[in-house]
Amino acid sequence: MARRNERARLGDAEFLALDLSASVDASALRDAVFLSWRDGAFDDVTADVLARRRPVTFHCNRQPADCQP
């Protein structure tokens, strides 16, 4: 489902870049935090994503050969 590619720390927070296929059900990622950028600030939309009220689409930002099908 997901493979960890990169890890970074900023203070007490740890950020993971995941290599996800487009078919991943975001509501199944119970330990994830989902943020939306709105009006110059991040808004936590995790509850809406986990409850399937807010759809999420994952896109690969790498070279096509490096993306999962």
Protein backbone atom coordinates (compact mmCIF):
# COMPACT_ATOMS: atom_id res chain seq x y z
CA MET A 1 0.00 0.00 0.00
CA ALA A 2 2.60 2.58 1.06
CA ARG A 3 6.36 2.59 1.08
CA ARG A 4 8.36 5.14 3.07
CA ASN A 5 10.79 6.98 0.84
CA GLU A 6 12.09 9.94 2.78
CA ARG A 7 12.09 11.01 6.42
CA ALA A 8 12.74 14.44 7.92
CA ARG A 9 12.47 15.99 11.38
CA LEU A 10 11.47 19.54 12.24
CA GLY A 11 11.54 20.12 15.99
CA ASP A 12 9.42 17.41 17.59
CA ALA A 13 7.59 16.60 14.35
CA GLU A 14 8.59 13.85 11.96
CA PHE A 15 7.56 14.09 8.32
CA LEU A 16 7.42 11.09 6.02
CA ALA A 17 7.18 11.17 2.25
CA LEU A 18 5.25 8.12 1.12
CA ASP A 19 5.24 6.43 -2.25
CA LEU A 20 1.52 5.70 -2.60
CA SER A 21 -0.40 4.26 -5.47
CA ALA A 22 -3.35 6.32 -6.71
CA SER A 23 -5.74 3.60 -5.54
CA VAL A 24 -4.86 3.92 -1.82
CA ASP A 25 -7.89 4.51 0.40
CA ALA A 26 -6.84 7.53 2.47
CA SER A 27 -9.39 6.70 5.16
CA ALA A 28 -7.39 3.54 5.92
CA LEU A 29 -4.29 5.58 6.86
CA ARG A 30 -5.37 5.99 10.50
CA ASP A 31 -2.01 7.37 11.73
CA ALA A 32 -1.75 10.01 8.99
CA VAL A 33 -2.52 13.71 9.36
CA PHE A 34 -4.15 15.45 6.41
CA LEU A 35 -3.71 19.19 5.97
CA SER A 36 -5.30 21.58 3.52
CA TRP A 37 -3.71 24.90 2.58
CA ARG A 38 -6.37 27.59 2.82
CA ASP A 39 -6.14 31.38 3.21
CA GLY A 40 -2.40 31.30 3.90
CA ALA A 41 -2.51 28.65 6.62
CA PHE A 42 -2.79 24.90 7.00
CA ASP A 43 -6.16 23.55 8.16
CA ASP A 44 -6.33 20.06 9.72
CA VAL A 45 -8.86 18.08 7.64
CA THR A 46 -7.90 14.66 9.04
CA ALA A 47 -11.30 13.94 10.60
CA ASP A 48 -13.08 14.64 7.31
CA VAL A 49 -10.66 12.44 5.35
CA LEU A 50 -10.92 9.52 7.77
CA ALA A 51 -14.73 9.81 7.75
CA ARG A 52 -14.65 9.86 3.92
CA ARG A 53 -16.32 13.28 3.80
CA ARG A 54 -13.30 14.75 2.01
CA PRO A 55 -11.82 12.81 -0.93
CA VAL A 56 -8.06 12.64 -1.35
CA THR A 57 -6.15 11.97 -4.56
CA PHE A 58 -2.49 11.00 -4.44
CA HIS A 59 -0.20 12.08 -7.28
CA CYS A 60 3.37 11.03 -7.98
CA ASN A 61 5.71 13.99 -8.34
CA ARG A 62 8.64 11.93 -9.56
CA GLN A 63 9.73 10.83 -13.00
CA PRO A 64 7.09 8.52 -14.58
CA ALA A 65 9.45 5.52 -14.42
CA ASP A 66 9.79 6.02 -10.64
CA CYS A 67 6.02 6.03 -9.98
CA GLN A 68 3.96 3.02 -9.06
CA PRO A 69 1.36 2.01 -11.65
